[in-house]
Amino acid sequence: MPENSGKEPVTPRTDEEKAKVLNRLKRIEGQVRGIQKMVEEDRYCVDILVQISAIDSALNKVGHSLMERHAHHCVADAVKKGEGEEAIDELMKVMKQFTK
């Protein structure tokens, strides 16, 4: 199970936001299953690598979307409350981890 900070979003995601993210993740999950099948079928390495690159790009898009929402809601709220430094430090830490 992934690490849990124990924090909640300042503004809960709307049903539409959740649906968009979940749909993207389900498509990515399908792509991963497709790669598994490609490996089982002993497909050409470059074909598999191209698909891995597509998944990497798709995950990055989901991550950027979540980071943007976090900045607009959670970080902005923390700044308004005078707790901006901690929120910005947290965001920078996750951005560094995200871009490794």
PDB file of N, CA and C in Angstrom:
ATOM      1  N   MET A   1       0.845  -1.178   0.000  1.00  0.00           N
ATOM      2  CA  MET A   1       0.000   0.000   0.000  1.00  0.00           C
ATOM      3  C   MET A   1       0.889   1.239   0.000  1.00  0.00           C
ATOM      4  N   PRO A   2       0.567   2.252  -0.816  1.00  0.00           N
ATOM      5  CA  PRO A   2       1.369   3.464  -0.868  1.00  0.00           C
ATOM      6  C   PRO A   2       1.360   4.222   0.454  1.00  0.00           C
ATOM      7  N   GLU A   3       2.389   5.039   0.624  1.00  0.00           N
ATOM      8  CA  GLU A   3       2.504   5.857   1.822  1.00  0.00           C
ATOM      9  C   GLU A   3       1.314   6.795   1.916  1.00  0.00           C
ATOM     10  N   ASN A   4       0.819   7.018   3.139  1.00  0.00           N
ATOM     11  CA  ASN A   4      -0.324   7.899   3.361  1.00  0.00           C
ATOM     12  C   ASN A   4       0.106   8.990   4.320  1.00  0.00           C
ATOM     13  N   SER A   5      -0.006  10.254   3.895  1.00  0.00           N
ATOM     14  CA  SER A   5       0.395  11.382   4.733  1.00  0.00           C
ATOM     15  C   SER A   5      -0.596  11.622   5.863  1.00  0.00           C
ATOM     16  N   GLY A   6      -1.793  11.072   5.725  1.00  0.00           N
ATOM     17  CA  GLY A   6      -2.826  11.309   6.724  1.00  0.00           C
ATOM     18  C   GLY A   6      -3.566  12.616   6.504  1.00  0.00           C
ATOM     19  N   LYS A   7      -3.183  13.363   5.478  1.00  0.00           N
ATOM     20  CA  LYS A   7      -3.826  14.640   5.188  1.00  0.00           C
ATOM     21  C   LYS A   7      -4.985  14.432   4.227  1.00  0.00           C
ATOM     22  N   GLU A   8      -5.896  15.381   4.241  1.00  0.00           N
ATOM     23  CA  GLU A   8      -7.041  15.369   3.339  1.00  0.00           C
ATOM     24  C   GLU A   8      -6.927  16.568   2.409  1.00  0.00           C
ATOM     25  N   PRO A   9      -7.463  16.488   1.180  1.00  0.00           N
ATOM     26  CA  PRO A   9      -7.443  17.671   0.318  1.00  0.00           C
ATOM     27  C   PRO A   9      -8.292  18.782   0.929  1.00  0.00           C
ATOM     28  N   VAL A  10      -7.836  20.024   0.765  1.00  0.00           N
ATOM     29  CA  VAL A  10      -8.579  21.173   1.278  1.00  0.00           C
ATOM     30  C   VAL A  10      -9.940  21.244   0.608  1.00  0.00           C
ATOM     31  N   THR A  11      -9.945  21.052  -0.692  1.00  0.00           N
ATOM     32  CA  THR A  11     -11.181  21.032  -1.471  1.00  0.00           C
ATOM     33  C   THR A  11     -11.325  19.634  -2.045  1.00  0.00           C
ATOM     34  N   PRO A  12     -12.285  18.857  -1.567  1.00  0.00           N
ATOM     35  CA  PRO A  12     -12.446  17.505  -2.103  1.00  0.00           C
ATOM     36  C   PRO A  12     -12.634  17.521  -3.622  1.00  0.00           C
ATOM     37  N   ARG A  13     -12.121  16.497  -4.274  1.00  0.00           N
ATOM     38  CA  ARG A  13     -12.278  16.391  -5.730  1.00  0.00           C
ATOM     39  C   ARG A  13     -13.758  16.202  -6.071  1.00  0.00           C
ATOM     40  N   THR A  14     -14.154  16.826  -7.148  1.00  0.00           N
ATOM     41  CA  THR A  14     -15.529  16.645  -7.607  1.00  0.00           C
ATOM     42  C   THR A  14     -15.654  15.247  -8.216  1.00  0.00           C
ATOM     43  N   ASP A  15     -16.876  14.811  -8.385  1.00  0.00           N
ATOM     44  CA  ASP A  15     -17.100  13.514  -9.027  1.00  0.00           C
ATOM     45  C   ASP A  15     -16.516  13.517 -10.437  1.00  0.00           C
ATOM     46  N   GLU A  16     -16.632  14.656 -11.127  1.00  0.00           N
ATOM     47  CA  GLU A  16     -16.088  14.768 -12.488  1.00  0.00           C
ATOM     48  C   GLU A  16     -14.560  14.657 -12.480  1.00  0.00           C
ATOM     49  N   GLU A  17     -13.921  15.327 -11.517  1.00  0.00           N
ATOM     50  CA  GLU A  17     -12.461  15.243 -11.418  1.00  0.00           C
ATOM     51  C   GLU A  17     -12.016  13.812 -11.138  1.00  0.00           C
ATOM     52  N   LYS A  18     -12.687  13.165 -10.202  1.00  0.00           N
ATOM     53  CA  LYS A  18     -12.362  11.775  -9.882  1.00  0.00           C
ATOM     54  C   LYS A  18     -12.526  10.895 -11.109  1.00  0.00           C
ATOM     55  N   ALA A  19     -13.626  11.076 -11.825  1.00  0.00           N
ATOM     56  CA  ALA A  19     -13.903  10.245 -13.001  1.00  0.00           C
ATOM     57  C   ALA A  19     -12.808  10.421 -14.054  1.00  0.00           C
ATOM     58  N   LYS A  20     -12.378  11.657 -14.291  1.00  0.00           N
ATOM     59  CA  LYS A  20     -11.334  11.903 -15.287  1.00  0.00           C
ATOM     60  C   LYS A  20     -10.032  11.196 -14.918  1.00  0.00           C
ATOM     61  N   VAL A  21      -9.615  11.348 -13.662  1.00  0.00           N
ATOM     62  CA  VAL A  21      -8.370  10.717 -13.229  1.00  0.00           C
ATOM     63  C   VAL A  21      -8.500   9.204 -13.278  1.00  0.00           C
ATOM     64  N   LEU A  22      -9.600   8.683 -12.774  1.00  0.00           N
ATOM     65  CA  LEU A  22      -9.791   7.232 -12.777  1.00  0.00           C
ATOM     66  C   LEU A  22      -9.839   6.660 -14.184  1.00  0.00           C
ATOM     67  N   ASN A  23     -10.491   7.368 -15.108  1.00  0.00           N
ATOM     68  CA  ASN A  23     -10.527   6.900 -16.494  1.00  0.00           C
ATOM     69  C   ASN A  23      -9.136   6.864 -17.102  1.00  0.00           C
ATOM     70  N   ARG A  24      -8.346   7.891 -16.834  1.00  0.00           N
ATOM     71  CA  ARG A  24      -6.966   7.903 -17.341  1.00  0.00           C
ATOM     72  C   ARG A  24      -6.175   6.734 -16.773  1.00  0.00           C
ATOM     73  N   LEU A  25      -6.320   6.514 -15.461  1.00  0.00           N
ATOM     74  CA  LEU A  25      -5.578   5.419 -14.822  1.00  0.00           C
ATOM     75  C   LEU A  25      -6.029   4.057 -15.340  1.00  0.00           C
ATOM     76  N   LYS A  26      -7.304   3.906 -15.623  1.00  0.00           N
ATOM     77  CA  LYS A  26      -7.794   2.638 -16.176  1.00  0.00           C
ATOM     78  C   LYS A  26      -7.238   2.395 -17.576  1.00  0.00           C
ATOM     79  N   ARG A  27      -7.123   3.478 -18.366  1.00  0.00           N
ATOM     80  CA  ARG A  27      -6.508   3.336 -19.692  1.00  0.00           C
ATOM     81  C   ARG A  27      -5.050   2.921 -19.556  1.00  0.00           C
ATOM     82  N   ILE A  28      -4.358   3.531 -18.601  1.00  0.00           N
ATOM     83  CA  ILE A  28      -2.950   3.189 -18.370  1.00  0.00           C
ATOM     84  C   ILE A  28      -2.840   1.734 -17.924  1.00  0.00           C
ATOM     85  N   GLU A  29      -3.733   1.321 -17.053  1.00  0.00           N
ATOM     86  CA  GLU A  29      -3.756  -0.074 -16.597  1.00  0.00           C
ATOM     87  C   GLU A  29      -3.923  -1.020 -17.789  1.00  0.00           C
ATOM     88  N   GLY A  30      -4.793  -0.661 -18.713  1.00  0.00           N
ATOM     89  CA  GLY A  30      -4.979  -1.463 -19.923  1.00  0.00           C
ATOM     90  C   GLY A  30      -3.722  -1.507 -20.773  1.00  0.00           C
ATOM     91  N   GLN A  31      -3.023  -0.369 -20.846  1.00  0.00           N
ATOM     92  CA  GLN A  31      -1.765  -0.337 -21.599  1.00  0.00           C
ATOM     93  C   GLN A  31      -0.732  -1.258 -20.954  1.00  0.00           C
ATOM     94  N   VAL A  32      -0.683  -1.262 -19.633  1.00  0.00           N
ATOM     95  CA  VAL A  32       0.275  -2.130 -18.926  1.00  0.00           C
ATOM     96  C   VAL A  32      -0.054  -3.598 -19.211  1.00  0.00           C
ATOM     97  N   ARG A  33      -1.332  -3.942 -19.180  1.00  0.00           N
ATOM     98  CA  ARG A  33      -1.716  -5.322 -19.511  1.00  0.00           C
ATOM     99  C   ARG A  33      -1.323  -5.661 -20.948  1.00  0.00           C
ATOM    100  N   GLY A  34      -1.438  -4.674 -21.827  1.00  0.00           N
ATOM    101  CA  GLY A  34      -1.023  -4.881 -23.215  1.00  0.00           C
ATOM    102  C   GLY A  34       0.465  -5.172 -23.320  1.00  0.00           C
ATOM    103  N   ILE A  35       1.254  -4.484 -22.530  1.00  0.00           N
ATOM    104  CA  ILE A  35       2.701  -4.730 -22.527  1.00  0.00           C
ATOM    105  C   ILE A  35       2.993  -6.121 -21.970  1.00  0.00           C
ATOM    106  N   GLN A  36       2.279  -6.509 -20.941  1.00  0.00           N
ATOM    107  CA  GLN A  36       2.475  -7.855 -20.398  1.00  0.00           C
ATOM    108  C   GLN A  36       2.228  -8.898 -21.478  1.00  0.00           C
ATOM    109  N   LYS A  37       1.181  -8.696 -22.250  1.00  0.00           N
ATOM    110  CA  LYS A  37       0.861  -9.625 -23.334  1.00  0.00           C
ATOM    111  C   LYS A  37       1.963  -9.605 -24.395  1.00  0.00           C
ATOM    112  N   MET A  38       2.479  -8.418 -24.692  1.00  0.00           N
ATOM    113  CA  MET A  38       3.562  -8.298 -25.671  1.00  0.00           C
ATOM    114  C   MET A  38       4.789  -9.095 -25.224  1.00  0.00           C
ATOM    115  N   VAL A  39       5.098  -9.030 -23.938  1.00  0.00           N
ATOM    116  CA  VAL A  39       6.240  -9.783 -23.401  1.00  0.00           C
ATOM    117  C   VAL A  39       5.965 -11.279 -23.501  1.00  0.00           C
ATOM    118  N   GLU A  40       4.749 -11.683 -23.105  1.00  0.00           N
ATOM    119  CA  GLU A  40       4.382 -13.100 -23.197  1.00  0.00           C
ATOM    120  C   GLU A  40       4.498 -13.612 -24.627  1.00  0.00           C
ATOM    121  N   GLU A  41       4.158 -12.748 -25.590  1.00  0.00           N
ATOM    122  CA  GLU A  41       4.207 -13.132 -27.005  1.00  0.00           C
ATOM    123  C   GLU A  41       5.603 -12.935 -27.607  1.00  0.00           C
ATOM    124  N   ASP A  42       6.551 -12.517 -26.755  1.00  0.00           N
ATOM    125  CA  ASP A  42       7.944 -12.316 -27.173  1.00  0.00           C
ATOM    126  C   ASP A  42       8.049 -11.330 -28.336  1.00  0.00           C
ATOM    127  N   ARG A  43       7.335 -10.218 -28.197  1.00  0.00           N
ATOM    128  CA  ARG A  43       7.342  -9.181 -29.228  1.00  0.00           C
ATOM    129  C   ARG A  43       8.681  -8.457 -29.258  1.00  0.00           C
ATOM    130  N   TYR A  44       8.917  -7.752 -30.340  1.00  0.00           N
ATOM    131  CA  TYR A  44      10.157  -7.014 -30.573  1.00  0.00           C
ATOM    132  C   TYR A  44      10.372  -5.966 -29.474  1.00  0.00           C
ATOM    133  N   CYS A  45      11.592  -5.893 -28.963  1.00  0.00           N
ATOM    134  CA  CYS A  45      11.934  -5.020 -27.833  1.00  0.00           C
ATOM    135  C   CYS A  45      11.523  -3.570 -28.065  1.00  0.00           C
ATOM    136  N   VAL A  46      11.814  -3.045 -29.245  1.00  0.00           N
ATOM    137  CA  VAL A  46      11.521  -1.640 -29.517  1.00  0.00           C
ATOM    138  C   VAL A  46      10.021  -1.377 -29.459  1.00  0.00           C
ATOM    139  N   ASP A  47       9.219  -2.309 -29.933  1.00  0.00           N
ATOM    140  CA  ASP A  47       7.761  -2.161 -29.856  1.00  0.00           C
ATOM    141  C   ASP A  47       7.309  -2.047 -28.400  1.00  0.00           C
ATOM    142  N   ILE A  48       7.886  -2.853 -27.540  1.00  0.00           N
ATOM    143  CA  ILE A  48       7.558  -2.821 -26.109  1.00  0.00           C
ATOM    144  C   ILE A  48       8.025  -1.508 -25.500  1.00  0.00           C
ATOM    145  N   LEU A  49       9.239  -1.089 -25.846  1.00  0.00           N
ATOM    146  CA  LEU A  49       9.779   0.150 -25.298  1.00  0.00           C
ATOM    147  C   LEU A  49       8.951   1.370 -25.700  1.00  0.00           C
ATOM    148  N   VAL A  50       8.444   1.374 -26.903  1.00  0.00           N
ATOM    149  CA  VAL A  50       7.581   2.479 -27.356  1.00  0.00           C
ATOM    150  C   VAL A  50       6.325   2.536 -26.485  1.00  0.00           C
ATOM    151  N   GLN A  51       5.761   1.382 -26.186  1.00  0.00           N
ATOM    152  CA  GLN A  51       4.562   1.338 -25.346  1.00  0.00           C
ATOM    153  C   GLN A  51       4.875   1.771 -23.913  1.00  0.00           C
ATOM    154  N   ILE A  52       6.034   1.388 -23.407  1.00  0.00           N
ATOM    155  CA  ILE A  52       6.445   1.818 -22.063  1.00  0.00           C
ATOM    156  C   ILE A  52       6.580   3.336 -22.030  1.00  0.00           C
ATOM    157  N   SER A  53       7.147   3.903 -23.080  1.00  0.00           N
ATOM    158  CA  SER A  53       7.284   5.355 -23.164  1.00  0.00           C
ATOM    159  C   SER A  53       5.919   6.037 -23.165  1.00  0.00           C
ATOM    160  N   ALA A  54       4.966   5.453 -23.858  1.00  0.00           N
ATOM    161  CA  ALA A  54       3.611   6.017 -23.892  1.00  0.00           C
ATOM    162  C   ALA A  54       2.970   5.987 -22.508  1.00  0.00           C
ATOM    163  N   ILE A  55       3.183   4.909 -21.771  1.00  0.00           N
ATOM    164  CA  ILE A  55       2.646   4.800 -20.413  1.00  0.00           C
ATOM    165  C   ILE A  55       3.309   5.821 -19.503  1.00  0.00           C
ATOM    166  N   ASP A  56       4.611   5.966 -19.634  1.00  0.00           N
ATOM    167  CA  ASP A  56       5.350   6.943 -18.832  1.00  0.00           C
ATOM    168  C   ASP A  56       4.792   8.345 -19.068  1.00  0.00           C
ATOM    169  N   SER A  57       4.561   8.679 -20.316  1.00  0.00           N
ATOM    170  CA  SER A  57       4.004   9.980 -20.668  1.00  0.00           C
ATOM    171  C   SER A  57       2.602  10.160 -20.087  1.00  0.00           C
ATOM    172  N   ALA A  58       1.791   9.135 -20.183  1.00  0.00           N
ATOM    173  CA  ALA A  58       0.421   9.201 -19.660  1.00  0.00           C
ATOM    174  C   ALA A  58       0.420   9.383 -18.146  1.00  0.00           C
ATOM    175  N   LEU A  59       1.288   8.669 -17.442  1.00  0.00           N
ATOM    176  CA  LEU A  59       1.383   8.821 -15.990  1.00  0.00           C
ATOM    177  C   LEU A  59       1.866  10.213 -15.618  1.00  0.00           C
ATOM    178  N   ASN A  60       2.812  10.737 -16.381  1.00  0.00           N
ATOM    179  CA  ASN A  60       3.290  12.097 -16.116  1.00  0.00           C
ATOM    180  C   ASN A  60       2.165  13.108 -16.266  1.00  0.00           C
ATOM    181  N   LYS A  61       1.316  12.930 -17.264  1.00  0.00           N
ATOM    182  CA  LYS A  61       0.190  13.845 -17.456  1.00  0.00           C
ATOM    183  C   LYS A  61      -0.766  13.791 -16.264  1.00  0.00           C
ATOM    184  N   VAL A  62      -1.037  12.602 -15.769  1.00  0.00           N
ATOM    185  CA  VAL A  62      -1.897  12.470 -14.599  1.00  0.00           C
ATOM    186  C   VAL A  62      -1.247  13.154 -13.401  1.00  0.00           C
ATOM    187  N   GLY A  63       0.043  12.917 -13.219  1.00  0.00           N
ATOM    188  CA  GLY A  63       0.763  13.531 -12.105  1.00  0.00           C
ATOM    189  C   GLY A  63       0.771  15.046 -12.180  1.00  0.00           C
ATOM    190  N   HIS A  64       1.020  15.587 -13.371  1.00  0.00           N
ATOM    191  CA  HIS A  64       1.011  17.042 -13.529  1.00  0.00           C
ATOM    192  C   HIS A  64      -0.369  17.620 -13.234  1.00  0.00           C
ATOM    193  N   SER A  65      -1.387  16.936 -13.660  1.00  0.00           N
ATOM    194  CA  SER A  65      -2.752  17.380 -13.401  1.00  0.00           C
ATOM    195  C   SER A  65      -3.024  17.425 -11.896  1.00  0.00           C
ATOM    196  N   LEU A  66      -2.609  16.381 -11.183  1.00  0.00           N
ATOM    197  CA  LEU A  66      -2.812  16.340  -9.734  1.00  0.00           C
ATOM    198  C   LEU A  66      -1.974  17.403  -9.027  1.00  0.00           C
ATOM    199  N   MET A  67      -0.754  17.627  -9.500  1.00  0.00           N
ATOM    200  CA  MET A  67       0.088  18.665  -8.893  1.00  0.00           C
ATOM    201  C   MET A  67      -0.509  20.052  -9.099  1.00  0.00           C
ATOM    202  N   GLU A  68      -1.040  20.291 -10.286  1.00  0.00           N
ATOM    203  CA  GLU A  68      -1.649  21.587 -10.572  1.00  0.00           C
ATOM    204  C   GLU A  68      -2.843  21.819  -9.649  1.00  0.00           C
ATOM    205  N   ARG A  69      -3.665  20.802  -9.491  1.00  0.00           N
ATOM    206  CA  ARG A  69      -4.820  20.937  -8.607  1.00  0.00           C
ATOM    207  C   ARG A  69      -4.374  21.174  -7.170  1.00  0.00           C
ATOM    208  N   HIS A  70      -3.335  20.456  -6.747  1.00  0.00           N
ATOM    209  CA  HIS A  70      -2.808  20.608  -5.392  1.00  0.00           C
ATOM    210  C   HIS A  70      -2.316  22.045  -5.170  1.00  0.00           C
ATOM    211  N   ALA A  71      -1.604  22.583  -6.147  1.00  0.00           N
ATOM    212  CA  ALA A  71      -1.088  23.947  -6.022  1.00  0.00           C
ATOM    213  C   ALA A  71      -2.233  24.959  -5.935  1.00  0.00           C
ATOM    214  N   HIS A  72      -3.242  24.791  -6.774  1.00  0.00           N
ATOM    215  CA  HIS A  72      -4.352  25.742  -6.812  1.00  0.00           C
ATOM    216  C   HIS A  72      -5.246  25.672  -5.573  1.00  0.00           C
ATOM    217  N   HIS A  73      -5.340  24.518  -4.966  1.00  0.00           N
ATOM    218  CA  HIS A  73      -6.239  24.367  -3.830  1.00  0.00           C
ATOM    219  C   HIS A  73      -5.489  24.285  -2.503  1.00  0.00           C
ATOM    220  N   CYS A  74      -4.728  23.226  -2.321  1.00  0.00           N
ATOM    221  CA  CYS A  74      -4.092  22.961  -1.028  1.00  0.00           C
ATOM    222  C   CYS A  74      -2.997  23.979  -0.695  1.00  0.00           C
ATOM    223  N   VAL A  75      -2.103  24.220  -1.649  1.00  0.00           N
ATOM    224  CA  VAL A  75      -1.005  25.155  -1.394  1.00  0.00           C
ATOM    225  C   VAL A  75      -1.552  26.580  -1.265  1.00  0.00           C
ATOM    226  N   ALA A  76      -2.444  26.966  -2.156  1.00  0.00           N
ATOM    227  CA  ALA A  76      -3.022  28.311  -2.086  1.00  0.00           C
ATOM    228  C   ALA A  76      -3.728  28.536  -0.744  1.00  0.00           C
ATOM    229  N   ASP A  77      -4.454  27.535  -0.265  1.00  0.00           N
ATOM    230  CA  ASP A  77      -5.134  27.641   1.021  1.00  0.00           C
ATOM    231  C   ASP A  77      -4.126  27.785   2.156  1.00  0.00           C
ATOM    232  N   ALA A  78      -3.041  27.017   2.096  1.00  0.00           N
ATOM    233  CA  ALA A  78      -2.011  27.098   3.135  1.00  0.00           C
ATOM    234  C   ALA A  78      -1.365  28.485   3.151  1.00  0.00           C
ATOM    235  N   VAL A  79      -1.125  29.060   1.978  1.00  0.00           N
ATOM    236  CA  VAL A  79      -0.544  30.402   1.897  1.00  0.00           C
ATOM    237  C   VAL A  79      -1.486  31.408   2.555  1.00  0.00           C
ATOM    238  N   LYS A  80      -2.770  31.300   2.249  1.00  0.00           N
ATOM    239  CA  LYS A  80      -3.761  32.209   2.843  1.00  0.00           C
ATOM    240  C   LYS A  80      -3.781  32.095   4.359  1.00  0.00           C
ATOM    241  N   LYS A  81      -3.527  30.903   4.885  1.00  0.00           N
ATOM    242  CA  LYS A  81      -3.545  30.670   6.333  1.00  0.00           C
ATOM    243  C   LYS A  81      -2.205  30.984   6.994  1.00  0.00           C
ATOM    244  N   GLY A  82      -1.226  31.434   6.196  1.00  0.00           N
ATOM    245  CA  GLY A  82       0.096  31.728   6.748  1.00  0.00           C
ATOM    246  C   GLY A  82       0.968  30.500   6.917  1.00  0.00           C
ATOM    247  N   GLU A  83       0.595  29.393   6.276  1.00  0.00           N
ATOM    248  CA  GLU A  83       1.345  28.137   6.371  1.00  0.00           C
ATOM    249  C   GLU A  83       1.968  27.771   5.029  1.00  0.00           C
ATOM    250  N   GLY A  84       2.241  28.799   4.228  1.00  0.00           N
ATOM    251  CA  GLY A  84       2.711  28.584   2.868  1.00  0.00           C
ATOM    252  C   GLY A  84       4.066  27.931   2.745  1.00  0.00           C
ATOM    253  N   GLU A  85       4.996  28.305   3.621  1.00  0.00           N
ATOM    254  CA  GLU A  85       6.354  27.754   3.511  1.00  0.00           C
ATOM    255  C   GLU A  85       6.351  26.234   3.578  1.00  0.00           C
ATOM    256  N   GLU A  86       5.650  25.688   4.539  1.00  0.00           N
ATOM    257  CA  GLU A  86       5.577  24.230   4.699  1.00  0.00           C
ATOM    258  C   GLU A  86       4.934  23.578   3.477  1.00  0.00           C
ATOM    259  N   ALA A  87       3.848  24.175   2.987  1.00  0.00           N
ATOM    260  CA  ALA A  87       3.138  23.613   1.835  1.00  0.00           C
ATOM    261  C   ALA A  87       4.001  23.684   0.573  1.00  0.00           C
ATOM    262  N   ILE A  88       4.707  24.788   0.402  1.00  0.00           N
ATOM    263  CA  ILE A  88       5.582  24.932  -0.764  1.00  0.00           C
ATOM    264  C   ILE A  88       6.743  23.955  -0.674  1.00  0.00           C
ATOM    265  N   ASP A  89       7.320  23.804   0.509  1.00  0.00           N
ATOM    266  CA  ASP A  89       8.407  22.832   0.688  1.00  0.00           C
ATOM    267  C   ASP A  89       7.935  21.420   0.355  1.00  0.00           C
ATOM    268  N   GLU A  90       6.737  21.076   0.806  1.00  0.00           N
ATOM    269  CA  GLU A  90       6.172  19.758   0.529  1.00  0.00           C
ATOM    270  C   GLU A  90       5.970  19.568  -0.975  1.00  0.00           C
ATOM    271  N   LEU A  91       5.440  20.591  -1.641  1.00  0.00           N
ATOM    272  CA  LEU A  91       5.214  20.516  -3.083  1.00  0.00           C
ATOM    273  C   LEU A  91       6.537  20.381  -3.829  1.00  0.00           C
ATOM    274  N   MET A  92       7.542  21.148  -3.424  1.00  0.00           N
ATOM    275  CA  MET A  92       8.844  21.068  -4.090  1.00  0.00           C
ATOM    276  C   MET A  92       9.468  19.687  -3.903  1.00  0.00           C
ATOM    277  N   LYS A  93       9.313  19.125  -2.725  1.00  0.00           N
ATOM    278  CA  LYS A  93       9.848  17.787  -2.455  1.00  0.00           C
ATOM    279  C   LYS A  93       9.206  16.751  -3.384  1.00  0.00           C
ATOM    280  N   VAL A  94       7.892  16.808  -3.522  1.00  0.00           N
ATOM    281  CA  VAL A  94       7.211  15.832  -4.374  1.00  0.00           C
ATOM    282  C   VAL A  94       7.530  16.089  -5.846  1.00  0.00           C
ATOM    283  N   MET A  95       7.714  17.362  -6.230  1.00  0.00           N
ATOM    284  CA  MET A  95       8.084  17.668  -7.617  1.00  0.00           C
ATOM    285  C   MET A  95       9.470  17.100  -7.944  1.00  0.00           C
ATOM    286  N   LYS A  96      10.395  17.218  -7.004  1.00  0.00           N
ATOM    287  CA  LYS A  96      11.732  16.643  -7.225  1.00  0.00           C
ATOM    288  C   LYS A  96      11.638  15.127  -7.364  1.00  0.00           C
ATOM    289  N   GLN A  97      10.850  14.502  -6.511  1.00  0.00           N
ATOM    290  CA  GLN A  97      10.675  13.045  -6.579  1.00  0.00           C
ATOM    291  C   GLN A  97      10.010  12.653  -7.892  1.00  0.00           C
ATOM    292  N   PHE A  98       9.065  13.446  -8.326  1.00  0.00           N
ATOM    293  CA  PHE A  98       8.298  13.173  -9.533  1.00  0.00           C
ATOM    294  C   PHE A  98       9.165  13.264 -10.780  1.00  0.00           C
ATOM    295  N   THR A  99      10.161  14.126 -10.770  1.00  0.00           N
ATOM    296  CA  THR A  99      10.972  14.361 -11.950  1.00  0.00           C
ATOM    297  C   THR A  99      12.269  13.567 -11.976  1.00  0.00           C
ATOM    298  N   LYS A 100      12.433  12.617 -11.086  1.00  0.00           N
ATOM    299  CA  LYS A 100      13.647  11.784 -11.089  1.00  0.00           C
ATOM    300  C   LYS A 100      13.727  10.962 -12.346  1.00  0.00           C
TER     301      LYS A 100
END
